[in-house]
Amino acid sequence: MKPQVGDPAPEFAGQLALPDGTARPVDLKDFRGRRLALVFYPRDATPGCTTQACALRDGWSELEGKVDVIGVSIDPLKSHHRFIEKHSLPYPLLVDEERKLVQAFGVWVEKSMYGRTSMGTERTTFLIGTDGRIEAVLEKVKPKEHLQQLLAALA
C-alpha cells in the first residue's frame, strides 16, 4: 500500500550511485531535518526516464537548496553510474535491485502494455518533509511535467 500525505515515510537503507562516480550507503535517517524527493522511475536509459531525469537536471538550479533529490529504480549500480555519467545528472540514484523500496512505497505494480501485463515500477515521487513524514505524493507523473509538479509541491 502506498504511503499517503501525513504518513511516516517507510524506513529504507541502500546503496547510492553518486554523480562523482563513487557509491555510498544511505538510509532515511541521513535526511532528517531536510526535505527529500524520492523519485521512483521504471528503468535507466529508457526514453521516458531519460526525459524525466534530464528535466530534473536542467531545472537543478530551481531545486538545489530546497530539496535533496534521489532517483530510485531497480537497476544495478553499474547501470546507475552509466546513466548519471551519460546525462550529467547532478543527483544520486538509489539501487533497489531487491525491490524492497518499490514495495515499501507501494510503487511495484502490475502494468499493461500492448495487451501484456507485467510487474514494474510506477513513476511516482514522494516528497518527504523534515520530520520524515510524507508531504506530497506525485503519482503516475508524466516525464515532461514532473519538474513543474515537484516545484509546485515544494512551494
C-alpha atoms as a PDB file:
ATOM      1  CA  MET A   1       0.000   0.000   0.000  1.00  0.00           C
ATOM      2  CA  LYS A   2       1.277   3.432  -0.955  1.00  0.00           C
ATOM      3  CA  PRO A   3       2.062   5.831   1.921  1.00  0.00           C
ATOM      4  CA  GLN A   4      -0.177   8.893   1.934  1.00  0.00           C
ATOM      5  CA  VAL A   5       0.330  12.530   2.883  1.00  0.00           C
ATOM      6  CA  GLY A   6       0.953  12.736   6.629  1.00  0.00           C
ATOM      7  CA  ASP A   7       2.180   9.141   6.952  1.00  0.00           C
ATOM      8  CA  PRO A   8       5.722   8.485   8.155  1.00  0.00           C
ATOM      9  CA  ALA A   9       7.941   7.598   5.205  1.00  0.00           C
ATOM     10  CA  PRO A  10       8.947   3.933   5.179  1.00  0.00           C
ATOM     11  CA  GLU A  11      12.460   3.463   6.527  1.00  0.00           C
ATOM     12  CA  PHE A  12      14.985   2.458   3.913  1.00  0.00           C
ATOM     13  CA  ALA A  13      18.636   1.664   3.508  1.00  0.00           C
ATOM     14  CA  GLY A  14      20.573   1.068   0.328  1.00  0.00           C
ATOM     15  CA  GLN A  15      23.466   1.914  -1.944  1.00  0.00           C
ATOM     16  CA  LEU A  16      23.655   5.296  -3.694  1.00  0.00           C
ATOM     17  CA  ALA A  17      25.362   5.815  -7.032  1.00  0.00           C
ATOM     18  CA  LEU A  18      26.822   9.315  -6.738  1.00  0.00           C
ATOM     19  CA  PRO A  19      27.424  11.845  -9.532  1.00  0.00           C
ATOM     20  CA  ASP A  20      31.190  11.717  -8.902  1.00  0.00           C
ATOM     21  CA  GLY A  21      31.289   8.016  -9.895  1.00  0.00           C
ATOM     22  CA  THR A  22      31.518   6.669  -6.349  1.00  0.00           C
ATOM     23  CA  ALA A  23      28.941   4.889  -4.213  1.00  0.00           C
ATOM     24  CA  ARG A  24      27.986   5.011  -0.549  1.00  0.00           C
ATOM     25  CA  PRO A  25      25.402   3.533   1.794  1.00  0.00           C
ATOM     26  CA  VAL A  26      22.379   5.654   2.668  1.00  0.00           C
ATOM     27  CA  ASP A  27      19.238   5.475   4.757  1.00  0.00           C
ATOM     28  CA  LEU A  28      16.279   7.727   5.501  1.00  0.00           C
ATOM     29  CA  LYS A  29      17.805   8.898   8.796  1.00  0.00           C
ATOM     30  CA  ASP A  30      20.536  10.665   6.788  1.00  0.00           C
ATOM     31  CA  PHE A  31      17.898  13.194   5.663  1.00  0.00           C
ATOM     32  CA  ARG A  32      16.242  14.068   8.982  1.00  0.00           C
ATOM     33  CA  GLY A  33      15.865  17.839   9.148  1.00  0.00           C
ATOM     34  CA  ARG A  34      15.942  18.168   5.338  1.00  0.00           C
ATOM     35  CA  ARG A  35      13.307  17.707   2.650  1.00  0.00           C
ATOM     36  CA  LEU A  36      13.786  14.735   0.350  1.00  0.00           C
ATOM     37  CA  ALA A  37      12.223  13.885  -3.003  1.00  0.00           C
ATOM     38  CA  LEU A  38      12.330  10.148  -3.744  1.00  0.00           C
ATOM     39  CA  VAL A  39      11.801   9.904  -7.491  1.00  0.00           C
ATOM     40  CA  PHE A  40      10.760   6.366  -8.454  1.00  0.00           C
ATOM     41  CA  TYR A  41      11.168   5.609 -12.154  1.00  0.00           C
ATOM     42  CA  PRO A  42      10.995   2.364 -14.192  1.00  0.00           C
ATOM     43  CA  ARG A  43      14.453   1.936 -15.777  1.00  0.00           C
ATOM     44  CA  ASP A  44      17.696   3.731 -16.556  1.00  0.00           C
ATOM     45  CA  ALA A  45      18.209   4.860 -20.146  1.00  0.00           C
ATOM     46  CA  THR A  46      14.632   4.391 -21.368  1.00  0.00           C
ATOM     47  CA  PRO A  47      13.108   7.321 -23.294  1.00  0.00           C
ATOM     48  CA  GLY A  48      10.634   8.460 -20.617  1.00  0.00           C
ATOM     49  CA  CYS A  49      13.074   8.022 -17.765  1.00  0.00           C
ATOM     50  CA  THR A  50      15.785   9.892 -19.646  1.00  0.00           C
ATOM     51  CA  THR A  51      13.369  12.758 -20.360  1.00  0.00           C
ATOM     52  CA  GLN A  52      12.400  12.921 -16.695  1.00  0.00           C
ATOM     53  CA  ALA A  53      15.994  12.710 -15.421  1.00  0.00           C
ATOM     54  CA  CYS A  54      17.236  15.376 -17.822  1.00  0.00           C
ATOM     55  CA  ALA A  55      14.354  17.701 -16.921  1.00  0.00           C
ATOM     56  CA  LEU A  56      15.389  17.459 -13.265  1.00  0.00           C
ATOM     57  CA  ARG A  57      18.996  18.088 -14.295  1.00  0.00           C
ATOM     58  CA  ASP A  58      18.020  21.114 -16.389  1.00  0.00           C
ATOM     59  CA  GLY A  59      15.920  22.532 -13.555  1.00  0.00           C
ATOM     60  CA  TRP A  60      18.516  21.761 -10.897  1.00  0.00           C
ATOM     61  CA  SER A  61      19.111  25.429 -10.053  1.00  0.00           C
ATOM     62  CA  GLU A  62      15.432  25.686  -9.038  1.00  0.00           C
ATOM     63  CA  LEU A  63      15.661  22.570  -6.823  1.00  0.00           C
ATOM     64  CA  GLU A  64      19.095  22.934  -5.262  1.00  0.00           C
ATOM     65  CA  GLY A  65      18.926  24.136  -1.684  1.00  0.00           C
ATOM     66  CA  LYS A  66      15.182  23.432  -1.433  1.00  0.00           C
ATOM     67  CA  VAL A  67      15.200  19.639  -1.516  1.00  0.00           C
ATOM     68  CA  ASP A  68      17.523  16.664  -1.752  1.00  0.00           C
ATOM     69  CA  VAL A  69      16.659  14.502  -4.754  1.00  0.00           C
ATOM     70  CA  ILE A  70      17.286  10.772  -5.085  1.00  0.00           C
ATOM     71  CA  GLY A  71      16.226   8.776  -8.122  1.00  0.00           C
ATOM     72  CA  VAL A  72      15.177   5.183  -7.379  1.00  0.00           C
ATOM     73  CA  SER A  73      14.941   2.230  -9.753  1.00  0.00           C
ATOM     74  CA  ILE A  74      15.588  -1.493  -9.671  1.00  0.00           C
ATOM     75  CA  ASP A  75      18.656  -1.125 -11.886  1.00  0.00           C
ATOM     76  CA  PRO A  76      22.109  -2.159 -10.586  1.00  0.00           C
ATOM     77  CA  LEU A  77      24.870   0.208  -9.502  1.00  0.00           C
ATOM     78  CA  LYS A  78      26.773  -0.097 -12.796  1.00  0.00           C
ATOM     79  CA  SER A  79      23.705   0.922 -14.796  1.00  0.00           C
ATOM     80  CA  HIS A  80      23.088   3.892 -12.482  1.00  0.00           C
ATOM     81  CA  HIS A  81      26.681   5.081 -12.891  1.00  0.00           C
ATOM     82  CA  ARG A  82      26.399   4.919 -16.705  1.00  0.00           C
ATOM     83  CA  PHE A  83      23.067   6.786 -16.631  1.00  0.00           C
ATOM     84  CA  ILE A  84      24.450   9.512 -14.354  1.00  0.00           C
ATOM     85  CA  GLU A  85      27.607   9.910 -16.440  1.00  0.00           C
ATOM     86  CA  LYS A  86      25.910   9.885 -19.849  1.00  0.00           C
ATOM     87  CA  HIS A  87      23.392  12.568 -18.864  1.00  0.00           C
ATOM     88  CA  SER A  88      25.484  14.538 -16.314  1.00  0.00           C
ATOM     89  CA  LEU A  89      22.897  14.060 -13.586  1.00  0.00           C
ATOM     90  CA  PRO A  90      23.638  16.206 -10.517  1.00  0.00           C
ATOM     91  CA  TYR A  91      21.768  13.954  -8.083  1.00  0.00           C
ATOM     92  CA  PRO A  92      22.343  10.366  -6.889  1.00  0.00           C
ATOM     93  CA  LEU A  93      20.433   7.223  -7.861  1.00  0.00           C
ATOM     94  CA  LEU A  94      19.491   4.554  -5.336  1.00  0.00           C
ATOM     95  CA  VAL A  95      19.931   0.875  -6.165  1.00  0.00           C
ATOM     96  CA  ASP A  96      16.819  -1.199  -5.382  1.00  0.00           C
ATOM     97  CA  GLU A  97      17.626  -4.487  -7.136  1.00  0.00           C
ATOM     98  CA  GLU A  98      15.856  -6.485  -4.433  1.00  0.00           C
ATOM     99  CA  ARG A  99      12.719  -4.350  -4.890  1.00  0.00           C
ATOM    100  CA  LYS A 100      12.433  -3.609  -1.171  1.00  0.00           C
ATOM    101  CA  LEU A 101      11.941   0.131  -1.604  1.00  0.00           C
ATOM    102  CA  VAL A 102       9.494  -0.038  -4.518  1.00  0.00           C
ATOM    103  CA  GLN A 103       7.415  -2.482  -2.492  1.00  0.00           C
ATOM    104  CA  ALA A 104       7.624  -0.465   0.758  1.00  0.00           C
ATOM    105  CA  PHE A 105       6.411   2.630  -1.098  1.00  0.00           C
ATOM    106  CA  GLY A 106       3.715   0.700  -2.997  1.00  0.00           C
ATOM    107  CA  VAL A 107       5.000   1.538  -6.472  1.00  0.00           C
ATOM    108  CA  TRP A 108       5.788  -2.042  -7.604  1.00  0.00           C
ATOM    109  CA  VAL A 109       2.592  -2.581  -9.578  1.00  0.00           C
ATOM    110  CA  GLU A 110       1.083  -4.584 -12.388  1.00  0.00           C
ATOM    111  CA  LYS A 111       1.420  -2.701 -15.656  1.00  0.00           C
ATOM    112  CA  SER A 112      -0.129  -3.328 -19.024  1.00  0.00           C
ATOM    113  CA  MET A 113       1.444  -2.529 -22.384  1.00  0.00           C
ATOM    114  CA  TYR A 114       0.352  -3.761 -25.803  1.00  0.00           C
ATOM    115  CA  GLY A 115      -2.038  -6.228 -24.175  1.00  0.00           C
ATOM    116  CA  ARG A 116       0.646  -7.822 -21.990  1.00  0.00           C
ATOM    117  CA  THR A 117       0.823  -7.440 -18.249  1.00  0.00           C
ATOM    118  CA  SER A 118       3.962  -7.423 -16.159  1.00  0.00           C
ATOM    119  CA  MET A 119       5.212  -6.046 -12.864  1.00  0.00           C
ATOM    120  CA  GLY A 120       7.122  -2.787 -12.874  1.00  0.00           C
ATOM    121  CA  THR A 121       7.793   0.488 -11.113  1.00  0.00           C
ATOM    122  CA  GLU A 122       5.103   3.149 -11.296  1.00  0.00           C
ATOM    123  CA  ARG A 123       6.576   6.586 -11.975  1.00  0.00           C
ATOM    124  CA  THR A 124       5.869   8.280  -8.620  1.00  0.00           C
ATOM    125  CA  THR A 125       7.617  10.880  -6.490  1.00  0.00           C
ATOM    126  CA  PHE A 126       7.322  11.133  -2.718  1.00  0.00           C
ATOM    127  CA  LEU A 127       8.200  14.434  -1.097  1.00  0.00           C
ATOM    128  CA  ILE A 128       9.330  13.704   2.454  1.00  0.00           C
ATOM    129  CA  GLY A 129       9.358  16.539   4.963  1.00  0.00           C
ATOM    130  CA  THR A 130      11.984  17.479   7.510  1.00  0.00           C
ATOM    131  CA  ASP A 131      10.117  15.395  10.109  1.00  0.00           C
ATOM    132  CA  GLY A 132      10.238  12.217   7.987  1.00  0.00           C
ATOM    133  CA  ARG A 133       6.560  12.375   7.017  1.00  0.00           C
ATOM    134  CA  ILE A 134       5.145  12.350   3.502  1.00  0.00           C
ATOM    135  CA  GLU A 135       4.354  15.915   2.374  1.00  0.00           C
ATOM    136  CA  ALA A 136       3.187  15.101  -1.154  1.00  0.00           C
ATOM    137  CA  VAL A 137       2.728  12.133  -3.460  1.00  0.00           C
ATOM    138  CA  LEU A 138       3.057  12.807  -7.198  1.00  0.00           C
ATOM    139  CA  GLU A 139       1.519   9.750  -8.837  1.00  0.00           C
ATOM    140  CA  LYS A 140       1.889   8.490 -12.408  1.00  0.00           C
ATOM    141  CA  VAL A 141       3.757  11.639 -13.384  1.00  0.00           C
ATOM    142  CA  LYS A 142       4.451  12.423 -16.999  1.00  0.00           C
ATOM    143  CA  PRO A 143       8.204  12.825 -17.597  1.00  0.00           C
ATOM    144  CA  LYS A 144       7.931  16.284 -19.208  1.00  0.00           C
ATOM    145  CA  GLU A 145       5.656  17.619 -16.437  1.00  0.00           C
ATOM    146  CA  HIS A 146       7.472  16.175 -13.435  1.00  0.00           C
ATOM    147  CA  LEU A 147       9.790  19.099 -12.662  1.00  0.00           C
ATOM    148  CA  GLN A 148       6.914  21.611 -12.560  1.00  0.00           C
ATOM    149  CA  GLN A 149       4.824  19.281 -10.382  1.00  0.00           C
ATOM    150  CA  LEU A 150       7.713  18.870  -7.944  1.00  0.00           C
ATOM    151  CA  LEU A 151       8.367  22.617  -7.817  1.00  0.00           C
ATOM    152  CA  ALA A 152       4.669  23.236  -7.125  1.00  0.00           C
ATOM    153  CA  ALA A 153       4.738  20.677  -4.282  1.00  0.00           C
ATOM    154  CA  LEU A 154       7.779  22.425  -2.787  1.00  0.00           C
ATOM    155  CA  ALA A 155       6.096  25.853  -2.801  1.00  0.00           C
END
